[in-house]
Amino acid sequence: METPSDNTGDLVLTVLGSGTSAGVPTIGCKCHVCHSEDPRDNRLRPSVFVRFAGRVVVIDTGPDFRAQVLRYGVDRLDAVLYTHAHADHILGLDDTRPFNFRQGGAIPIYGSEHTINTIQRVFSYIFSKDEHESWVPQIQAHTVEPLETLSLFGREIQAIPLRHGRNLITFGYRFGPLAYLTDHNEIPDESLEQLQGLDTLFLDALRHKPHPTHSNVQKSLNYVEQLKPRQAFFTHISHDLPHARTEELLPPHVRLAYDGMQVRVEAARCV
């Protein structure tokens, strides 16, 4: 895998996991995709990391986080952005501890009020003020409002609110010309307005059939047609979508994400 340069000004996104909450292969499943020999059909839980200016920002720390950072050589962690607090997006938080050791400081995490409150409840031992006999992650939690723009390490990152079922609001994140959106079945109009002029767009596309809390292939294709990014990638993919066969049905500028895939946005496009 290419090691991104820290000094080019480019923005490089690496897919740590492109799968759905159960991962692919899914436990006990006998389907063709779960037994595929195509490595692109082997999908860990959804997460990416974005490297720029010598910094690494991870989006979501799911149950596969430790395996993912070891597999793809993530050597530092400067911040974590959370899309929401479902198990497949947060349960690897404890595995940030080695980065505390290496870097000698707390790691900031960002998410909606609901997300941060849930993380603090699930990982109450991390945020407890009681004295700890053993090491726990050193975390600084920050609440982000919908459509708020964060300034992290010299780059502006915007929280894009999305609908995940009837009642849950999740966040996508826009890094200048690149946006990563997962776990949504609807992109509200005010968010669509903030997603104009993209170079690269990642979208949830669970399967072909409609789903109550996730976008499907056709619905995400409609969003791509509406937003017109230069290139788009579908992620949070279930075992209903074989990689090679599905890509044959997609337009040339739309591909399926796969674990380990890298996308580089050149510095000139990041201005």
C-alpha atoms as a PDB file:
ATOM      1  CA  MET A   1       0.000   0.000   0.000  1.00  0.00           C
ATOM      2  CA  GLU A   2       1.239   3.476  -0.868  1.00  0.00           C
ATOM      3  CA  THR A   3       2.530   5.528   2.042  1.00  0.00           C
ATOM      4  CA  PRO A   4       1.089   9.018   1.601  1.00  0.00           C
ATOM      5  CA  SER A   5       3.535  11.912   1.703  1.00  0.00           C
ATOM      6  CA  ASP A   6       3.000  14.273   4.599  1.00  0.00           C
ATOM      7  CA  ASN A   7       4.333  17.266   2.718  1.00  0.00           C
ATOM      8  CA  THR A   8       2.492  17.347  -0.587  1.00  0.00           C
ATOM      9  CA  GLY A   9      -0.617  19.130   0.646  1.00  0.00           C
ATOM     10  CA  ASP A  10      -2.683  16.268  -0.768  1.00  0.00           C
ATOM     11  CA  LEU A  11      -5.547  14.715   1.160  1.00  0.00           C
ATOM     12  CA  VAL A  12      -5.472  10.904   1.238  1.00  0.00           C
ATOM     13  CA  LEU A  13      -8.383   8.774   2.434  1.00  0.00           C
ATOM     14  CA  THR A  14      -7.853   5.072   3.171  1.00  0.00           C
ATOM     15  CA  VAL A  15     -10.818   2.738   3.614  1.00  0.00           C
ATOM     16  CA  LEU A  16     -10.346   0.725   6.804  1.00  0.00           C
ATOM     17  CA  GLY A  17     -13.655  -1.080   6.382  1.00  0.00           C
ATOM     18  CA  SER A  18     -16.349  -1.026   3.701  1.00  0.00           C
ATOM     19  CA  GLY A  19     -18.788  -3.531   5.196  1.00  0.00           C
ATOM     20  CA  THR A  20     -22.052  -3.363   7.036  1.00  0.00           C
ATOM     21  CA  SER A  21     -22.596  -3.959  10.764  1.00  0.00           C
ATOM     22  CA  ALA A  22     -22.197  -7.747  10.500  1.00  0.00           C
ATOM     23  CA  GLY A  23     -19.178  -7.566   8.224  1.00  0.00           C
ATOM     24  CA  VAL A  24     -18.564  -9.751   5.179  1.00  0.00           C
ATOM     25  CA  PRO A  25     -18.253 -12.704   5.400  1.00  0.00           C
ATOM     26  CA  THR A  26     -21.215 -12.778   7.761  1.00  0.00           C
ATOM     27  CA  ILE A  27     -21.084 -15.365  10.535  1.00  0.00           C
ATOM     28  CA  GLY A  28     -22.665 -18.648   9.452  1.00  0.00           C
ATOM     29  CA  CYS A  29     -23.606 -17.469   5.961  1.00  0.00           C
ATOM     30  CA  LYS A  30     -23.148 -19.828   2.993  1.00  0.00           C
ATOM     31  CA  CYS A  31     -23.778 -17.308   0.212  1.00  0.00           C
ATOM     32  CA  HIS A  32     -21.468 -16.771  -2.757  1.00  0.00           C
ATOM     33  CA  VAL A  33     -20.170 -13.413  -1.562  1.00  0.00           C
ATOM     34  CA  CYS A  34     -19.341 -14.669   1.924  1.00  0.00           C
ATOM     35  CA  HIS A  35     -17.259 -17.435   0.301  1.00  0.00           C
ATOM     36  CA  SER A  36     -15.851 -15.287  -2.499  1.00  0.00           C
ATOM     37  CA  GLU A  37     -12.162 -15.499  -3.406  1.00  0.00           C
ATOM     38  CA  ASP A  38     -12.208 -11.843  -4.464  1.00  0.00           C
ATOM     39  CA  PRO A  39     -10.494  -9.976  -1.573  1.00  0.00           C
ATOM     40  CA  ARG A  40     -12.700  -6.961  -2.289  1.00  0.00           C
ATOM     41  CA  ASP A  41     -15.670  -9.024  -1.046  1.00  0.00           C
ATOM     42  CA  ASN A  42     -14.043  -9.329   2.394  1.00  0.00           C
ATOM     43  CA  ARG A  43     -15.367  -6.281   4.263  1.00  0.00           C
ATOM     44  CA  LEU A  44     -14.620  -5.177   7.807  1.00  0.00           C
ATOM     45  CA  ARG A  45     -16.921  -2.812   9.686  1.00  0.00           C
ATOM     46  CA  PRO A  46     -17.201   0.737   8.257  1.00  0.00           C
ATOM     47  CA  SER A  47     -14.378   3.181   8.956  1.00  0.00           C
ATOM     48  CA  VAL A  48     -11.858   5.340   7.102  1.00  0.00           C
ATOM     49  CA  PHE A  49      -8.827   7.400   7.961  1.00  0.00           C
ATOM     50  CA  VAL A  50      -7.859  10.671   6.328  1.00  0.00           C
ATOM     51  CA  ARG A  51      -4.243  11.823   6.268  1.00  0.00           C
ATOM     52  CA  PHE A  52      -3.234  15.419   5.599  1.00  0.00           C
ATOM     53  CA  ALA A  53      -0.446  17.745   6.727  1.00  0.00           C
ATOM     54  CA  GLY A  54       1.195  14.929   8.681  1.00  0.00           C
ATOM     55  CA  ARG A  55      -1.986  14.302  10.687  1.00  0.00           C
ATOM     56  CA  VAL A  56      -4.373  11.351  10.801  1.00  0.00           C
ATOM     57  CA  VAL A  57      -8.104  11.725  11.441  1.00  0.00           C
ATOM     58  CA  VAL A  58     -10.159   8.531  11.769  1.00  0.00           C
ATOM     59  CA  ILE A  59     -13.894   8.408  11.146  1.00  0.00           C
ATOM     60  CA  ASP A  60     -15.429   5.827  13.526  1.00  0.00           C
ATOM     61  CA  THR A  61     -13.715   3.156  15.634  1.00  0.00           C
ATOM     62  CA  GLY A  62     -15.750  -0.006  15.185  1.00  0.00           C
ATOM     63  CA  PRO A  63     -15.168  -3.499  16.614  1.00  0.00           C
ATOM     64  CA  ASP A  64     -12.486  -4.178  13.949  1.00  0.00           C
ATOM     65  CA  PHE A  65     -10.482  -1.030  14.739  1.00  0.00           C
ATOM     66  CA  ARG A  66      -7.400  -2.765  16.164  1.00  0.00           C
ATOM     67  CA  ALA A  67      -7.144  -5.178  13.231  1.00  0.00           C
ATOM     68  CA  GLN A  68      -7.699  -2.353  10.769  1.00  0.00           C
ATOM     69  CA  VAL A  69      -4.990  -0.012  12.030  1.00  0.00           C
ATOM     70  CA  LEU A  70      -2.510  -2.903  12.186  1.00  0.00           C
ATOM     71  CA  ARG A  71      -3.418  -4.087   8.694  1.00  0.00           C
ATOM     72  CA  TYR A  72      -3.082  -0.668   7.085  1.00  0.00           C
ATOM     73  CA  GLY A  73      -0.196   0.728   9.064  1.00  0.00           C
ATOM     74  CA  VAL A  74      -1.913   3.605  10.855  1.00  0.00           C
ATOM     75  CA  ASP A  75       1.028   4.945  12.842  1.00  0.00           C
ATOM     76  CA  ARG A  76      -0.603   7.892  14.626  1.00  0.00           C
ATOM     77  CA  LEU A  77      -4.044   9.152  15.580  1.00  0.00           C
ATOM     78  CA  ASP A  78      -4.720  12.860  15.981  1.00  0.00           C
ATOM     79  CA  ALA A  79      -8.526  12.905  16.211  1.00  0.00           C
ATOM     80  CA  VAL A  80     -11.615  10.724  15.814  1.00  0.00           C
ATOM     81  CA  LEU A  81     -14.823  11.913  14.171  1.00  0.00           C
ATOM     82  CA  TYR A  82     -17.920   9.880  14.976  1.00  0.00           C
ATOM     83  CA  THR A  83     -20.851   9.520  12.610  1.00  0.00           C
ATOM     84  CA  HIS A  84     -23.120   8.083  15.325  1.00  0.00           C
ATOM     85  CA  ALA A  85     -22.997   5.734  18.306  1.00  0.00           C
ATOM     86  CA  HIS A  86     -24.145   2.382  16.930  1.00  0.00           C
ATOM     87  CA  ALA A  87     -21.994  -0.554  18.015  1.00  0.00           C
ATOM     88  CA  ASP A  88     -20.333  -1.077  14.632  1.00  0.00           C
ATOM     89  CA  HIS A  89     -18.997   2.497  14.794  1.00  0.00           C
ATOM     90  CA  ILE A  90     -17.795   2.950  18.397  1.00  0.00           C
ATOM     91  CA  LEU A  91     -16.850  -0.346  20.061  1.00  0.00           C
ATOM     92  CA  GLY A  92     -13.145  -0.108  19.201  1.00  0.00           C
ATOM     93  CA  LEU A  93     -12.601   3.103  21.167  1.00  0.00           C
ATOM     94  CA  ASP A  94     -10.569   1.342  23.874  1.00  0.00           C
ATOM     95  CA  ASP A  95      -7.986   0.383  21.234  1.00  0.00           C
ATOM     96  CA  THR A  96      -6.917   4.002  20.939  1.00  0.00           C
ATOM     97  CA  ARG A  97      -4.772   3.457  24.069  1.00  0.00           C
ATOM     98  CA  PRO A  98      -1.547   2.582  22.204  1.00  0.00           C
ATOM     99  CA  PHE A  99      -1.721   5.933  20.417  1.00  0.00           C
ATOM    100  CA  ASN A 100      -1.826   7.640  23.833  1.00  0.00           C
ATOM    101  CA  PHE A 101       1.363   5.764  24.744  1.00  0.00           C
ATOM    102  CA  ARG A 102       3.109   6.639  21.475  1.00  0.00           C
ATOM    103  CA  GLN A 103       2.018  10.257  21.278  1.00  0.00           C
ATOM    104  CA  GLY A 104       1.997  11.162  24.955  1.00  0.00           C
ATOM    105  CA  GLY A 105      -1.321  12.965  25.092  1.00  0.00           C
ATOM    106  CA  ALA A 106      -5.095  12.752  24.989  1.00  0.00           C
ATOM    107  CA  ILE A 107      -6.926  12.204  21.694  1.00  0.00           C
ATOM    108  CA  PRO A 108      -9.863  14.480  20.869  1.00  0.00           C
ATOM    109  CA  ILE A 109     -13.094  12.891  19.674  1.00  0.00           C
ATOM    110  CA  TYR A 110     -15.991  14.710  18.005  1.00  0.00           C
ATOM    111  CA  GLY A 111     -19.645  13.863  17.459  1.00  0.00           C
ATOM    112  CA  SER A 112     -23.204  15.017  17.979  1.00  0.00           C
ATOM    113  CA  GLU A 113     -24.484  15.539  21.511  1.00  0.00           C
ATOM    114  CA  HIS A 114     -26.390  12.243  21.327  1.00  0.00           C
ATOM    115  CA  THR A 115     -23.308  10.418  20.050  1.00  0.00           C
ATOM    116  CA  ILE A 116     -20.946  11.805  22.685  1.00  0.00           C
ATOM    117  CA  ASN A 117     -23.461  11.159  25.488  1.00  0.00           C
ATOM    118  CA  THR A 118     -23.842   7.551  24.355  1.00  0.00           C
ATOM    119  CA  ILE A 119     -20.073   7.010  24.101  1.00  0.00           C
ATOM    120  CA  GLN A 120     -19.627   8.426  27.603  1.00  0.00           C
ATOM    121  CA  ARG A 121     -22.283   6.046  28.914  1.00  0.00           C
ATOM    122  CA  VAL A 122     -20.995   2.946  27.093  1.00  0.00           C
ATOM    123  CA  PHE A 123     -17.379   3.700  28.045  1.00  0.00           C
ATOM    124  CA  SER A 124     -18.129   5.167  31.461  1.00  0.00           C
ATOM    125  CA  TYR A 125     -14.847   3.833  32.867  1.00  0.00           C
ATOM    126  CA  ILE A 126     -12.914   6.040  30.421  1.00  0.00           C
ATOM    127  CA  PHE A 127     -14.670   9.209  31.498  1.00  0.00           C
ATOM    128  CA  SER A 128     -14.989   8.413  35.202  1.00  0.00           C
ATOM    129  CA  LYS A 129     -13.160  10.773  37.558  1.00  0.00           C
ATOM    130  CA  ASP A 130     -12.330   7.851  39.849  1.00  0.00           C
ATOM    131  CA  GLU A 131      -8.712   6.801  40.168  1.00  0.00           C
ATOM    132  CA  HIS A 132      -7.814   3.968  37.780  1.00  0.00           C
ATOM    133  CA  GLU A 133      -5.544   1.073  38.732  1.00  0.00           C
ATOM    134  CA  SER A 134      -4.864   0.277  35.091  1.00  0.00           C
ATOM    135  CA  TRP A 135      -4.449   2.446  32.015  1.00  0.00           C
ATOM    136  CA  VAL A 136      -7.566   3.649  30.212  1.00  0.00           C
ATOM    137  CA  PRO A 137      -7.700   5.681  26.999  1.00  0.00           C
ATOM    138  CA  GLN A 138      -7.013   9.372  27.388  1.00  0.00           C
ATOM    139  CA  ILE A 139      -9.897  11.017  25.522  1.00  0.00           C
ATOM    140  CA  GLN A 140     -11.162  14.588  25.193  1.00  0.00           C
ATOM    141  CA  ALA A 141     -14.808  14.608  24.064  1.00  0.00           C
ATOM    142  CA  HIS A 142     -16.214  17.499  22.025  1.00  0.00           C
ATOM    143  CA  THR A 143     -19.814  18.025  20.903  1.00  0.00           C
ATOM    144  CA  VAL A 144     -20.460  19.133  17.332  1.00  0.00           C
ATOM    145  CA  GLU A 145     -23.620  20.793  16.050  1.00  0.00           C
ATOM    146  CA  PRO A 146     -25.232  19.897  12.691  1.00  0.00           C
ATOM    147  CA  LEU A 147     -23.569  21.793   9.832  1.00  0.00           C
ATOM    148  CA  GLU A 148     -20.866  23.080  12.205  1.00  0.00           C
ATOM    149  CA  THR A 149     -17.437  23.538  10.660  1.00  0.00           C
ATOM    150  CA  LEU A 150     -14.480  22.340  12.713  1.00  0.00           C
ATOM    151  CA  SER A 151     -10.973  23.666  12.232  1.00  0.00           C
ATOM    152  CA  LEU A 152      -8.580  20.759  12.725  1.00  0.00           C
ATOM    153  CA  PHE A 153      -4.879  20.959  11.961  1.00  0.00           C
ATOM    154  CA  GLY A 154      -5.309  23.763   9.472  1.00  0.00           C
ATOM    155  CA  ARG A 155      -8.209  22.195   7.584  1.00  0.00           C
ATOM    156  CA  GLU A 156     -11.929  22.899   7.821  1.00  0.00           C
ATOM    157  CA  ILE A 157     -14.182  19.870   8.291  1.00  0.00           C
ATOM    158  CA  GLN A 158     -17.956  20.232   8.150  1.00  0.00           C
ATOM    159  CA  ALA A 159     -20.444  17.976   9.943  1.00  0.00           C
ATOM    160  CA  ILE A 160     -23.190  17.012   7.462  1.00  0.00           C
ATOM    161  CA  PRO A 161     -26.446  15.822   9.122  1.00  0.00           C
ATOM    162  CA  LEU A 162     -28.088  12.737   7.594  1.00  0.00           C
ATOM    163  CA  ARG A 163     -31.187  10.683   8.379  1.00  0.00           C
ATOM    164  CA  HIS A 164     -30.648   7.066   9.489  1.00  0.00           C
ATOM    165  CA  GLY A 165     -34.168   5.682   9.754  1.00  0.00           C
ATOM    166  CA  ARG A 166     -37.077   7.761  11.050  1.00  0.00           C
ATOM    167  CA  ASN A 167     -35.545   9.162  14.230  1.00  0.00           C
ATOM    168  CA  LEU A 168     -31.744   9.083  14.229  1.00  0.00           C
ATOM    169  CA  ILE A 169     -29.557  11.875  12.850  1.00  0.00           C
ATOM    170  CA  THR A 170     -26.060  10.779  11.880  1.00  0.00           C
ATOM    171  CA  PHE A 171     -23.151  12.901  10.648  1.00  0.00           C
ATOM    172  CA  GLY A 172     -21.217  12.692   7.438  1.00  0.00           C
ATOM    173  CA  TYR A 173     -18.061  14.783   7.164  1.00  0.00           C
ATOM    174  CA  ARG A 174     -16.832  17.039   4.386  1.00  0.00           C
ATOM    175  CA  PHE A 175     -13.106  17.718   4.030  1.00  0.00           C
ATOM    176  CA  GLY A 176     -13.072  20.429   1.383  1.00  0.00           C
ATOM    177  CA  PRO A 177     -13.522  18.594  -1.936  1.00  0.00           C
ATOM    178  CA  LEU A 178     -14.113  15.168  -0.318  1.00  0.00           C
ATOM    179  CA  ALA A 179     -17.137  13.987   1.668  1.00  0.00           C
ATOM    180  CA  TYR A 180     -17.687  10.720   3.524  1.00  0.00           C
ATOM    181  CA  LEU A 181     -21.329   9.789   4.240  1.00  0.00           C
ATOM    182  CA  THR A 182     -22.320   6.479   5.783  1.00  0.00           C
ATOM    183  CA  ASP A 183     -25.405   5.101   7.541  1.00  0.00           C
ATOM    184  CA  HIS A 184     -28.118   7.158   5.914  1.00  0.00           C
ATOM    185  CA  ASN A 185     -31.342   6.509   4.109  1.00  0.00           C
ATOM    186  CA  GLU A 186     -31.959  10.179   3.361  1.00  0.00           C
ATOM    187  CA  ILE A 187     -29.814  13.270   2.815  1.00  0.00           C
ATOM    188  CA  PRO A 188     -31.819  16.348   3.898  1.00  0.00           C
ATOM    189  CA  ASP A 189     -32.081  19.306   1.542  1.00  0.00           C
ATOM    190  CA  GLU A 190     -29.942  21.549   3.755  1.00  0.00           C
ATOM    191  CA  SER A 191     -27.190  18.931   3.645  1.00  0.00           C
ATOM    192  CA  LEU A 192     -27.452  18.520  -0.118  1.00  0.00           C
ATOM    193  CA  GLU A 193     -26.761  22.240  -0.380  1.00  0.00           C
ATOM    194  CA  GLN A 194     -23.497  21.716   1.521  1.00  0.00           C
ATOM    195  CA  LEU A 195     -22.402  18.883  -0.768  1.00  0.00           C
ATOM    196  CA  GLN A 196     -22.130  20.823  -4.008  1.00  0.00           C
ATOM    197  CA  GLY A 197     -18.867  21.037  -5.923  1.00  0.00           C
ATOM    198  CA  LEU A 198     -17.287  17.824  -4.630  1.00  0.00           C
ATOM    199  CA  ASP A 199     -14.381  16.008  -6.209  1.00  0.00           C
ATOM    200  CA  THR A 200     -14.980  12.760  -4.306  1.00  0.00           C
ATOM    201  CA  LEU A 201     -18.106  11.478  -2.538  1.00  0.00           C
ATOM    202  CA  PHE A 202     -18.574   8.350  -0.409  1.00  0.00           C
ATOM    203  CA  LEU A 203     -22.169   7.191   0.072  1.00  0.00           C
ATOM    204  CA  ASP A 204     -23.996   4.436   1.933  1.00  0.00           C
ATOM    205  CA  ALA A 205     -25.306   1.782  -0.485  1.00  0.00           C
ATOM    206  CA  LEU A 206     -26.190  -1.323   1.489  1.00  0.00           C
ATOM    207  CA  ARG A 207     -27.768  -3.455  -1.254  1.00  0.00           C
ATOM    208  CA  HIS A 208     -30.125  -3.273  -4.243  1.00  0.00           C
ATOM    209  CA  LYS A 209     -33.381  -3.736  -2.300  1.00  0.00           C
ATOM    210  CA  PRO A 210     -34.750  -0.777  -0.290  1.00  0.00           C
ATOM    211  CA  HIS A 211     -33.954  -0.716   3.422  1.00  0.00           C
ATOM    212  CA  PRO A 212     -35.616   1.333   6.199  1.00  0.00           C
ATOM    213  CA  THR A 213     -32.382   2.822   7.570  1.00  0.00           C
ATOM    214  CA  HIS A 214     -29.844   2.630   4.729  1.00  0.00           C
ATOM    215  CA  SER A 215     -29.625   3.886   1.184  1.00  0.00           C
ATOM    216  CA  ASN A 216     -29.587   1.322  -1.605  1.00  0.00           C
ATOM    217  CA  VAL A 217     -27.675   1.313  -4.897  1.00  0.00           C
ATOM    218  CA  GLN A 218     -30.306   3.076  -6.991  1.00  0.00           C
ATOM    219  CA  LYS A 219     -31.045   5.720  -4.390  1.00  0.00           C
ATOM    220  CA  SER A 220     -27.352   6.504  -4.008  1.00  0.00           C
ATOM    221  CA  LEU A 221     -26.965   6.646  -7.788  1.00  0.00           C
ATOM    222  CA  ASN A 222     -29.725   9.252  -7.767  1.00  0.00           C
ATOM    223  CA  TYR A 223     -27.765  11.294  -5.206  1.00  0.00           C
ATOM    224  CA  VAL A 224     -24.645  11.023  -7.362  1.00  0.00           C
ATOM    225  CA  GLU A 225     -26.591  12.277 -10.368  1.00  0.00           C
ATOM    226  CA  GLN A 226     -27.942  15.160  -8.308  1.00  0.00           C
ATOM    227  CA  LEU A 227     -24.623  16.185  -6.723  1.00  0.00           C
ATOM    228  CA  LYS A 228     -22.361  15.419  -9.718  1.00  0.00           C
ATOM    229  CA  PRO A 229     -19.035  14.712  -7.971  1.00  0.00           C
ATOM    230  CA  ARG A 230     -16.088  13.838 -10.210  1.00  0.00           C
ATOM    231  CA  GLN A 231     -16.046  10.363  -8.661  1.00  0.00           C
ATOM    232  CA  ALA A 232     -18.175   8.476  -6.145  1.00  0.00           C
ATOM    233  CA  PHE A 233     -17.720   5.351  -4.038  1.00  0.00           C
ATOM    234  CA  PHE A 234     -20.367   3.253  -2.316  1.00  0.00           C
ATOM    235  CA  THR A 235     -19.643   1.854   1.147  1.00  0.00           C
ATOM    236  CA  HIS A 236     -21.358   0.132   4.112  1.00  0.00           C
ATOM    237  CA  ILE A 237     -21.902  -2.778   1.710  1.00  0.00           C
ATOM    238  CA  SER A 238     -23.678  -5.995   2.655  1.00  0.00           C
ATOM    239  CA  HIS A 239     -23.098  -9.499   1.307  1.00  0.00           C
ATOM    240  CA  ASP A 240     -25.910  -8.877  -1.195  1.00  0.00           C
ATOM    241  CA  LEU A 241     -23.463  -7.011  -3.470  1.00  0.00           C
ATOM    242  CA  PRO A 242     -20.662  -9.016  -5.112  1.00  0.00           C
ATOM    243  CA  HIS A 243     -17.935  -6.508  -5.925  1.00  0.00           C
ATOM    244  CA  ALA A 244     -17.079  -7.366  -9.538  1.00  0.00           C
ATOM    245  CA  ARG A 245     -20.635  -8.080 -10.684  1.00  0.00           C
ATOM    246  CA  THR A 246     -22.041  -4.940  -9.059  1.00  0.00           C
ATOM    247  CA  GLU A 247     -19.412  -2.669 -10.612  1.00  0.00           C
ATOM    248  CA  GLU A 248     -20.397  -3.941 -14.068  1.00  0.00           C
ATOM    249  CA  LEU A 249     -23.792  -2.301 -13.481  1.00  0.00           C
ATOM    250  CA  LEU A 250     -22.438   1.063 -12.319  1.00  0.00           C
ATOM    251  CA  PRO A 251     -21.439   4.081 -14.398  1.00  0.00           C
ATOM    252  CA  PRO A 252     -17.663   4.501 -14.865  1.00  0.00           C
ATOM    253  CA  HIS A 253     -17.289   7.287 -12.295  1.00  0.00           C
ATOM    254  CA  VAL A 254     -19.060   5.272  -9.571  1.00  0.00           C
ATOM    255  CA  ARG A 255     -17.287   2.331  -7.919  1.00  0.00           C
ATOM    256  CA  LEU A 256     -17.678   0.189  -4.826  1.00  0.00           C
ATOM    257  CA  ALA A 257     -15.276   0.957  -2.007  1.00  0.00           C
ATOM    258  CA  TYR A 258     -13.168  -1.913  -0.706  1.00  0.00           C
ATOM    259  CA  ASP A 259     -10.993  -2.412   2.346  1.00  0.00           C
ATOM    260  CA  GLY A 260      -7.545  -0.885   1.850  1.00  0.00           C
ATOM    261  CA  MET A 261      -8.589   1.308  -1.074  1.00  0.00           C
ATOM    262  CA  GLN A 262      -6.945   4.733  -1.159  1.00  0.00           C
ATOM    263  CA  VAL A 263      -8.252   7.914  -2.721  1.00  0.00           C
ATOM    264  CA  ARG A 264      -5.942  10.884  -3.129  1.00  0.00           C
ATOM    265  CA  VAL A 265      -7.274  14.390  -3.705  1.00  0.00           C
ATOM    266  CA  GLU A 266      -4.473  16.579  -5.003  1.00  0.00           C
ATOM    267  CA  ALA A 267      -3.573  19.765  -3.182  1.00  0.00           C
ATOM    268  CA  ALA A 268      -4.773  21.930  -6.074  1.00  0.00           C
ATOM    269  CA  ARG A 269      -8.287  20.530  -5.660  1.00  0.00           C
ATOM    270  CA  CYS A 270      -8.206  21.123  -1.884  1.00  0.00           C
ATOM    271  CA  VAL A 271      -7.962  24.904  -2.210  1.00  0.00           C
END
